[in-house]
Amino acid sequence: MTNSKKRHTPEQVVRKLGQADRMLADGGDVASVCRELGVSEQTYYRWRSQYGGLKAEDAKRLKELVKQNATLKRLLAEAELAKAALKELAEGNF
């Protein structure tokens, strides 16, 4: 049995989806393709919806942008929290 917590990089996902497309074009069914790739059907369909038409470099850039977006959201939340704390101090509500 494979490790259920294995993580794939976006490049690996796109590569495996390419392999899946070739196997399906050769007449394979989704279940056998998923077995061959070592992923569940649920994972295959999730990858297909997330990375369907992307090339490997596009998937890598998407992952970088998602990470950058998360960092920016965290920084904004911290700035808003600091702003609220300073506002309370200025009003004397401490």
C-alpha atoms as a PDB file:
ATOM      1  CA  MET A   1       0.000   0.000   0.000  1.00  0.00           C
ATOM      2  CA  THR A   2       1.295   3.470  -0.846  1.00  0.00           C
ATOM      3  CA  ASN A   3       1.822   6.235   1.676  1.00  0.00           C
ATOM      4  CA  SER A   4      -1.454   8.158   1.937  1.00  0.00           C
ATOM      5  CA  LYS A   5       0.349  11.367   2.967  1.00  0.00           C
ATOM      6  CA  LYS A   6       2.647  11.560  -0.070  1.00  0.00           C
ATOM      7  CA  ARG A   7       2.802  15.035  -1.555  1.00  0.00           C
ATOM      8  CA  HIS A   8       3.398  15.730  -5.212  1.00  0.00           C
ATOM      9  CA  THR A   9       4.895  18.901  -6.591  1.00  0.00           C
ATOM     10  CA  PRO A  10       2.817  20.764  -9.181  1.00  0.00           C
ATOM     11  CA  GLU A  11       5.321  19.662 -11.832  1.00  0.00           C
ATOM     12  CA  GLN A  12       4.845  16.014 -10.846  1.00  0.00           C
ATOM     13  CA  VAL A  13       1.066  16.414 -10.924  1.00  0.00           C
ATOM     14  CA  VAL A  14       1.112  17.913 -14.421  1.00  0.00           C
ATOM     15  CA  ARG A  15       3.493  15.180 -15.595  1.00  0.00           C
ATOM     16  CA  LYS A  16       1.247  12.457 -14.145  1.00  0.00           C
ATOM     17  CA  LEU A  17      -1.825  14.044 -15.724  1.00  0.00           C
ATOM     18  CA  GLY A  18      -0.005  13.937 -19.067  1.00  0.00           C
ATOM     19  CA  GLN A  19       0.723  10.251 -18.538  1.00  0.00           C
ATOM     20  CA  ALA A  20      -2.913   9.697 -17.609  1.00  0.00           C
ATOM     21  CA  ASP A  21      -4.076  11.436 -20.793  1.00  0.00           C
ATOM     22  CA  ARG A  22      -1.846   9.175 -22.897  1.00  0.00           C
ATOM     23  CA  MET A  23      -3.053   6.021 -21.102  1.00  0.00           C
ATOM     24  CA  LEU A  24      -6.691   7.069 -21.451  1.00  0.00           C
ATOM     25  CA  ALA A  25      -6.165   7.812 -25.163  1.00  0.00           C
ATOM     26  CA  ASP A  26      -4.733   4.299 -25.549  1.00  0.00           C
ATOM     27  CA  GLY A  27      -8.022   2.890 -24.269  1.00  0.00           C
ATOM     28  CA  GLY A  28      -7.380   2.601 -20.553  1.00  0.00           C
ATOM     29  CA  ASP A  29     -10.103   3.306 -18.026  1.00  0.00           C
ATOM     30  CA  VAL A  30      -9.731   5.805 -15.194  1.00  0.00           C
ATOM     31  CA  ALA A  31      -9.501   3.134 -12.475  1.00  0.00           C
ATOM     32  CA  SER A  32      -6.616   1.289 -14.140  1.00  0.00           C
ATOM     33  CA  VAL A  33      -4.837   4.551 -15.002  1.00  0.00           C
ATOM     34  CA  CYS A  34      -5.068   5.673 -11.367  1.00  0.00           C
ATOM     35  CA  ARG A  35      -3.709   2.325 -10.176  1.00  0.00           C
ATOM     36  CA  GLU A  36      -0.821   2.626 -12.628  1.00  0.00           C
ATOM     37  CA  LEU A  37      -0.031   6.174 -11.444  1.00  0.00           C
ATOM     38  CA  GLY A  38      -0.375   5.214  -7.778  1.00  0.00           C
ATOM     39  CA  VAL A  39      -3.128   7.711  -6.925  1.00  0.00           C
ATOM     40  CA  SER A  40      -6.774   7.387  -5.981  1.00  0.00           C
ATOM     41  CA  GLU A  41      -9.528   8.323  -8.411  1.00  0.00           C
ATOM     42  CA  GLN A  42     -10.512  11.150  -6.067  1.00  0.00           C
ATOM     43  CA  THR A  43      -6.969  12.530  -6.245  1.00  0.00           C
ATOM     44  CA  TYR A  44      -6.969  12.182 -10.049  1.00  0.00           C
ATOM     45  CA  TYR A  45     -10.205  14.151 -10.404  1.00  0.00           C
ATOM     46  CA  ARG A  46      -9.034  16.811  -7.910  1.00  0.00           C
ATOM     47  CA  TRP A  47      -5.790  17.212  -9.863  1.00  0.00           C
ATOM     48  CA  ARG A  48      -7.739  17.357 -13.103  1.00  0.00           C
ATOM     49  CA  SER A  49      -9.910  20.207 -11.790  1.00  0.00           C
ATOM     50  CA  GLN A  50      -6.939  22.098 -10.301  1.00  0.00           C
ATOM     51  CA  TYR A  51      -4.245  21.548 -12.903  1.00  0.00           C
ATOM     52  CA  GLY A  52      -6.225  20.402 -15.956  1.00  0.00           C
ATOM     53  CA  GLY A  53      -4.807  22.592 -18.709  1.00  0.00           C
ATOM     54  CA  LEU A  54      -1.601  23.779 -17.072  1.00  0.00           C
ATOM     55  CA  LYS A  55       1.938  23.160 -18.191  1.00  0.00           C
ATOM     56  CA  ALA A  56       4.530  22.263 -15.543  1.00  0.00           C
ATOM     57  CA  GLU A  57       5.995  25.779 -15.381  1.00  0.00           C
ATOM     58  CA  ASP A  58       2.491  27.274 -15.067  1.00  0.00           C
ATOM     59  CA  ALA A  59       1.707  24.935 -12.178  1.00  0.00           C
ATOM     60  CA  LYS A  60       4.942  25.919 -10.440  1.00  0.00           C
ATOM     61  CA  ARG A  61       4.124  29.615 -10.873  1.00  0.00           C
ATOM     62  CA  LEU A  62       0.596  29.013  -9.533  1.00  0.00           C
ATOM     63  CA  LYS A  63       2.020  27.375  -6.411  1.00  0.00           C
ATOM     64  CA  GLU A  64       4.399  30.311  -5.904  1.00  0.00           C
ATOM     65  CA  LEU A  65       1.546  32.800  -6.285  1.00  0.00           C
ATOM     66  CA  VAL A  66      -0.638  30.927  -3.804  1.00  0.00           C
ATOM     67  CA  LYS A  67       2.219  30.949  -1.283  1.00  0.00           C
ATOM     68  CA  GLN A  68       2.856  34.662  -1.871  1.00  0.00           C
ATOM     69  CA  ASN A  69      -0.857  35.413  -1.496  1.00  0.00           C
ATOM     70  CA  ALA A  70      -0.978  33.582   1.845  1.00  0.00           C
ATOM     71  CA  THR A  71       2.016  35.582   3.076  1.00  0.00           C
ATOM     72  CA  LEU A  72       0.425  38.858   2.018  1.00  0.00           C
ATOM     73  CA  LYS A  73      -2.855  37.959   3.731  1.00  0.00           C
ATOM     74  CA  ARG A  74      -0.982  37.156   6.946  1.00  0.00           C
ATOM     75  CA  LEU A  75       0.918  40.449   6.795  1.00  0.00           C
ATOM     76  CA  LEU A  76      -2.317  42.370   6.204  1.00  0.00           C
ATOM     77  CA  ALA A  77      -3.992  40.654   9.154  1.00  0.00           C
ATOM     78  CA  GLU A  78      -1.041  41.512  11.395  1.00  0.00           C
ATOM     79  CA  ALA A  79      -1.110  45.150  10.228  1.00  0.00           C
ATOM     80  CA  GLU A  80      -4.866  45.396  10.873  1.00  0.00           C
ATOM     81  CA  LEU A  81      -4.409  43.928  14.343  1.00  0.00           C
ATOM     82  CA  ALA A  82      -1.644  46.421  15.144  1.00  0.00           C
ATOM     83  CA  LYS A  83      -3.788  49.261  13.810  1.00  0.00           C
ATOM     84  CA  ALA A  84      -6.712  48.210  16.019  1.00  0.00           C
ATOM     85  CA  ALA A  85      -4.424  47.970  19.075  1.00  0.00           C
ATOM     86  CA  LEU A  86      -3.022  51.448  18.432  1.00  0.00           C
ATOM     87  CA  LYS A  87      -6.544  52.816  17.997  1.00  0.00           C
ATOM     88  CA  GLU A  88      -7.583  51.381  21.368  1.00  0.00           C
ATOM     89  CA  LEU A  89      -4.491  52.850  23.036  1.00  0.00           C
ATOM     90  CA  ALA A  90      -5.194  56.251  21.491  1.00  0.00           C
ATOM     91  CA  GLU A  91      -8.765  56.164  22.787  1.00  0.00           C
ATOM     92  CA  GLY A  92      -7.608  55.138  26.254  1.00  0.00           C
ATOM     93  CA  ASN A  93      -9.625  51.874  26.270  1.00  0.00           C
ATOM     94  CA  PHE A  94      -6.981  49.686  27.872  1.00  0.00           C
END
